[in-house]
């Protein structure tokens, strides 16, 4: 998939666990794990907003476009 989710990098930078982030954003750990492993087919803007708020980042720091041939 050409969209890469860099959630794991942001979690390391912010010294936060996936469980803590899920609690802060108000989504299930299972759904956050799907996003973290790049298995998500979509993400709601409200979820993206919550992630950016809690990680103090911009959407472009979480999502990255990669060419198909990489």
C-alpha atoms as a PDB file:
ATOM      1  CA  UNK A   1       0.000   0.000   0.000  1.00  0.00           C
ATOM      2  CA  UNK A   2       1.495   3.357  -0.945  1.00  0.00           C
ATOM      3  CA  UNK A   3       0.450   5.082   2.305  1.00  0.00           C
ATOM      4  CA  UNK A   4       2.747   4.311   5.235  1.00  0.00           C
ATOM      5  CA  UNK A   5       1.608   5.035   8.806  1.00  0.00           C
ATOM      6  CA  UNK A   6       4.520   6.163  10.981  1.00  0.00           C
ATOM      7  CA  UNK A   7       2.707   5.835  14.285  1.00  0.00           C
ATOM      8  CA  UNK A   8       5.401   3.659  15.844  1.00  0.00           C
ATOM      9  CA  UNK A   9       8.046   6.333  15.226  1.00  0.00           C
ATOM     10  CA  UNK A  10       5.909   9.019  16.847  1.00  0.00           C
ATOM     11  CA  UNK A  11       5.244   6.786  19.854  1.00  0.00           C
ATOM     12  CA  UNK A  12       8.985   6.304  20.382  1.00  0.00           C
ATOM     13  CA  UNK A  13       9.635  10.047  20.036  1.00  0.00           C
ATOM     14  CA  UNK A  14       6.913  10.838  22.571  1.00  0.00           C
ATOM     15  CA  UNK A  15       7.854   7.945  24.884  1.00  0.00           C
ATOM     16  CA  UNK A  16       4.266   6.715  24.876  1.00  0.00           C
ATOM     17  CA  UNK A  17       2.801   3.226  24.646  1.00  0.00           C
ATOM     18  CA  UNK A  18       0.149   2.144  22.174  1.00  0.00           C
ATOM     19  CA  UNK A  19      -2.170   1.393  25.106  1.00  0.00           C
ATOM     20  CA  UNK A  20      -1.727   4.870  26.594  1.00  0.00           C
ATOM     21  CA  UNK A  21      -2.373   6.497  23.221  1.00  0.00           C
ATOM     22  CA  UNK A  22      -5.504   4.414  22.656  1.00  0.00           C
ATOM     23  CA  UNK A  23      -6.846   5.518  26.048  1.00  0.00           C
ATOM     24  CA  UNK A  24      -6.051   9.177  25.403  1.00  0.00           C
ATOM     25  CA  UNK A  25      -7.606   9.201  21.922  1.00  0.00           C
ATOM     26  CA  UNK A  26     -10.619   7.129  22.938  1.00  0.00           C
ATOM     27  CA  UNK A  27     -10.282   4.269  20.452  1.00  0.00           C
ATOM     28  CA  UNK A  28      -9.775   0.592  21.050  1.00  0.00           C
ATOM     29  CA  UNK A  29      -6.303  -0.865  21.238  1.00  0.00           C
ATOM     30  CA  UNK A  30      -7.304  -3.310  18.490  1.00  0.00           C
ATOM     31  CA  UNK A  31      -8.215  -0.504  16.083  1.00  0.00           C
ATOM     32  CA  UNK A  32      -5.058   1.417  16.906  1.00  0.00           C
ATOM     33  CA  UNK A  33      -2.996  -1.726  16.333  1.00  0.00           C
ATOM     34  CA  UNK A  34      -4.573  -2.150  12.888  1.00  0.00           C
ATOM     35  CA  UNK A  35      -3.538   1.399  12.066  1.00  0.00           C
ATOM     36  CA  UNK A  36      -0.060   0.874  13.516  1.00  0.00           C
ATOM     37  CA  UNK A  37       0.585  -2.242  11.404  1.00  0.00           C
ATOM     38  CA  UNK A  38      -0.556  -0.535   8.170  1.00  0.00           C
ATOM     39  CA  UNK A  39      -3.545  -2.864   7.801  1.00  0.00           C
ATOM     40  CA  UNK A  40      -6.132  -0.083   7.994  1.00  0.00           C
ATOM     41  CA  UNK A  41      -8.022   0.694   4.800  1.00  0.00           C
ATOM     42  CA  UNK A  42      -9.241   4.078   6.089  1.00  0.00           C
ATOM     43  CA  UNK A  43      -8.863   6.464   8.995  1.00  0.00           C
ATOM     44  CA  UNK A  44     -11.468   8.883  10.271  1.00  0.00           C
ATOM     45  CA  UNK A  45     -10.527  12.524  10.510  1.00  0.00           C
ATOM     46  CA  UNK A  46     -11.669  12.532  14.137  1.00  0.00           C
ATOM     47  CA  UNK A  47      -9.204   9.707  14.844  1.00  0.00           C
ATOM     48  CA  UNK A  48      -6.431  11.498  12.984  1.00  0.00           C
ATOM     49  CA  UNK A  49      -7.247  14.677  14.901  1.00  0.00           C
ATOM     50  CA  UNK A  50      -7.033  12.827  18.225  1.00  0.00           C
ATOM     51  CA  UNK A  51      -3.731  11.204  17.284  1.00  0.00           C
ATOM     52  CA  UNK A  52      -2.246  14.555  16.273  1.00  0.00           C
ATOM     53  CA  UNK A  53      -3.538  16.214  19.425  1.00  0.00           C
ATOM     54  CA  UNK A  54      -2.136  13.578  21.772  1.00  0.00           C
ATOM     55  CA  UNK A  55       1.159  13.141  19.918  1.00  0.00           C
ATOM     56  CA  UNK A  56       1.556  16.893  19.325  1.00  0.00           C
ATOM     57  CA  UNK A  57       2.251  16.404  15.619  1.00  0.00           C
ATOM     58  CA  UNK A  58       0.921  17.164  12.152  1.00  0.00           C
ATOM     59  CA  UNK A  59      -0.893  14.601   9.951  1.00  0.00           C
ATOM     60  CA  UNK A  60       2.097  14.588   7.588  1.00  0.00           C
ATOM     61  CA  UNK A  61       4.274  13.272  10.399  1.00  0.00           C
ATOM     62  CA  UNK A  62       1.984  10.252  10.780  1.00  0.00           C
ATOM     63  CA  UNK A  63       1.180   9.530   7.127  1.00  0.00           C
ATOM     64  CA  UNK A  64       3.700   9.172   4.330  1.00  0.00           C
ATOM     65  CA  UNK A  65       3.178   8.446   0.633  1.00  0.00           C
ATOM     66  CA  UNK A  66       5.557   5.869  -0.829  1.00  0.00           C
ATOM     67  CA  UNK A  67       5.878   4.940  -4.481  1.00  0.00           C
ATOM     68  CA  UNK A  68       4.557   1.456  -5.323  1.00  0.00           C
ATOM     69  CA  UNK A  69       7.950   0.189  -6.532  1.00  0.00           C
ATOM     70  CA  UNK A  70       9.719   0.779  -3.176  1.00  0.00           C
END
